Amino acid sequence: MSDPNGPPTAVEYESVAEPELFSLLGKAHTMAILHEVLIEADGPVRFGELQAALDVSPNTLSRRLGELDDLGLLDRTQYDEIPPRVEYEPTAPLADLEPTFRELDRWMRQYGDGGTDWTA
């Protein structure tokens, strides 16, 4: 919360309910979307870029992006252009999770497809 006597904060975020967050993270493509926006993208990413990178249907991608925006993990910017342009970028709360996503990325390189044999 902002101190009325101090400088205002740029943006204040509402807290996220744990059940809502974990429910959304468990839905198809959510983690891949967050990884793409947070780790792979170099700046704002467009809807079409996400769709091409993730090979997910437009309806599913649109639904997940809307849920992530509603939860406050993504900022959605729509430009009044033809053709329409919409860009997504991480909010501060999602950016705080970057070290976690980088560690998951490292872990997947080690133990994911083509990594260490788990049966050894």
Protein backbone atom coordinates (compact mmCIF):
# COMPACT_ATOMS: atom_id res chain seq x y z
CA MET A 1 0.00 0.00 0.00
CA SER A 2 1.27 3.52 -0.77
CA ASP A 3 2.48 5.76 2.01
CA PRO A 4 0.28 8.90 1.79
CA ASN A 5 3.30 11.00 2.80
CA GLY A 6 5.79 9.27 0.52
CA PRO A 7 6.07 8.87 -3.22
CA PRO A 8 3.29 6.83 -4.83
CA THR A 9 4.12 3.38 -6.08
CA ALA A 10 3.89 2.94 -9.83
CA VAL A 11 1.43 0.05 -9.65
CA GLU A 12 -0.08 -1.77 -6.73
CA TYR A 13 -1.06 -5.40 -7.12
CA GLU A 14 -3.78 -7.30 -5.36
CA SER A 15 -2.87 -10.52 -3.63
CA VAL A 16 -3.49 -13.74 -5.51
CA ALA A 17 -5.48 -16.54 -3.90
CA GLU A 18 -3.40 -19.72 -3.72
CA PRO A 19 -6.16 -22.07 -4.97
CA GLU A 20 -6.86 -19.80 -7.94
CA LEU A 21 -3.16 -19.53 -8.83
CA PHE A 22 -2.47 -23.26 -8.61
CA SER A 23 -5.65 -24.09 -10.52
CA LEU A 24 -4.59 -21.82 -13.37
CA LEU A 25 -0.99 -23.09 -13.35
CA GLY A 26 -2.33 -26.63 -13.72
CA LYS A 27 -4.34 -25.85 -16.85
CA ALA A 28 -3.04 -26.89 -20.25
CA HIS A 29 -0.48 -24.54 -21.80
CA THR A 30 -0.34 -22.09 -18.87
CA MET A 31 3.22 -22.90 -17.82
CA ALA A 32 4.39 -22.89 -21.45
CA ILE A 33 2.82 -19.45 -21.98
CA LEU A 34 4.46 -18.06 -18.85
CA HIS A 35 7.81 -19.55 -19.83
CA GLU A 36 7.57 -18.05 -23.30
CA VAL A 37 6.61 -14.59 -22.02
CA LEU A 38 9.05 -14.55 -19.12
CA ILE A 39 12.12 -16.42 -20.40
CA GLU A 40 12.05 -16.75 -24.18
CA ALA A 41 10.61 -13.39 -25.22
CA ASP A 42 12.81 -10.33 -25.47
CA GLY A 43 10.22 -7.67 -24.60
CA PRO A 44 6.49 -7.68 -25.30
CA VAL A 45 5.21 -10.66 -27.26
CA ARG A 46 2.32 -10.70 -29.72
CA PHE A 47 -0.55 -13.16 -29.76
CA GLY A 48 0.54 -14.60 -33.12
CA GLU A 49 4.11 -15.10 -31.89
CA LEU A 50 2.85 -17.02 -28.88
CA GLN A 51 0.57 -19.13 -31.02
CA ALA A 52 3.39 -20.02 -33.43
CA ALA A 53 5.90 -20.75 -30.66
CA LEU A 54 3.50 -22.91 -28.64
CA ASP A 55 1.40 -24.55 -31.37
CA VAL A 56 -1.80 -24.02 -29.37
CA SER A 57 -5.27 -23.29 -30.74
CA PRO A 58 -6.27 -19.62 -30.86
CA ASN A 59 -9.28 -20.23 -28.58
CA THR A 60 -7.23 -21.95 -25.88
CA LEU A 61 -4.44 -19.38 -26.08
CA SER A 62 -6.91 -16.50 -25.88
CA ARG A 63 -8.64 -18.06 -22.87
CA ARG A 64 -5.36 -18.69 -20.99
CA LEU A 65 -4.00 -15.21 -21.76
CA GLY A 66 -7.25 -13.68 -20.47
CA GLU A 67 -7.02 -15.73 -17.27
CA LEU A 68 -3.38 -14.72 -16.73
CA ASP A 69 -4.27 -11.07 -17.35
CA ASP A 70 -7.23 -11.28 -14.94
CA LEU A 71 -4.96 -12.80 -12.29
CA GLY A 72 -2.48 -9.96 -12.69
CA LEU A 73 0.41 -11.99 -14.09
CA LEU A 74 0.35 -10.48 -17.58
CA ASP A 75 -0.20 -6.98 -18.92
CA ARG A 76 -2.23 -6.90 -22.12
CA THR A 77 -1.86 -3.94 -24.47
CA GLN A 78 -4.20 -3.62 -27.44
CA TYR A 79 -3.29 -1.18 -30.21
CA ASP A 80 -5.90 0.52 -32.36
CA GLU A 81 -4.44 -0.64 -35.67
CA ILE A 82 -5.51 -2.63 -38.68
CA PRO A 83 -4.81 -5.48 -38.48
CA PRO A 84 -5.33 -5.47 -34.70
CA ARG A 85 -2.19 -5.84 -32.59
CA VAL A 86 -2.17 -7.16 -29.03
CA GLU A 87 0.98 -7.55 -26.96
CA TYR A 88 1.60 -9.26 -23.64
CA GLU A 89 4.35 -8.77 -21.10
CA PRO A 90 4.98 -9.92 -17.55
CA THR A 91 3.79 -7.85 -14.61
CA ALA A 92 6.07 -7.25 -11.63
CA PRO A 93 4.62 -10.23 -9.69
CA LEU A 94 5.37 -12.57 -12.61
CA ALA A 95 8.80 -11.02 -13.14
CA ASP A 96 9.57 -11.90 -9.51
CA LEU A 97 9.13 -15.56 -10.52
CA GLU A 98 11.83 -15.35 -13.21
CA PRO A 99 14.50 -17.12 -11.08
CA THR A 100 12.05 -19.97 -10.48
CA PHE A 101 11.32 -20.32 -14.20
CA ARG A 102 15.04 -20.19 -15.03
CA GLU A 103 15.66 -23.00 -12.52
CA LEU A 104 12.80 -25.04 -14.03
CA ASP A 105 14.35 -24.43 -17.46
CA ARG A 106 17.74 -25.67 -16.19
CA TRP A 107 16.10 -28.67 -14.53
CA MET A 108 14.28 -29.60 -17.77
CA ARG A 109 17.51 -29.43 -19.75
CA GLN A 110 19.05 -31.84 -17.25
CA TYR A 111 16.16 -34.24 -16.63
CA GLY A 112 13.62 -33.60 -19.39
CA ASP A 113 13.42 -35.25 -22.81
CA GLY A 114 16.90 -36.24 -23.86
CA GLY A 115 18.31 -35.60 -20.39
CA THR A 116 19.36 -37.99 -17.65
CA ASP A 117 17.89 -41.51 -17.58
CA TRP A 118 15.61 -41.45 -14.52
CA THR A 119 15.71 -45.24 -14.20
CA ALA A 120 19.48 -45.35 -13.56
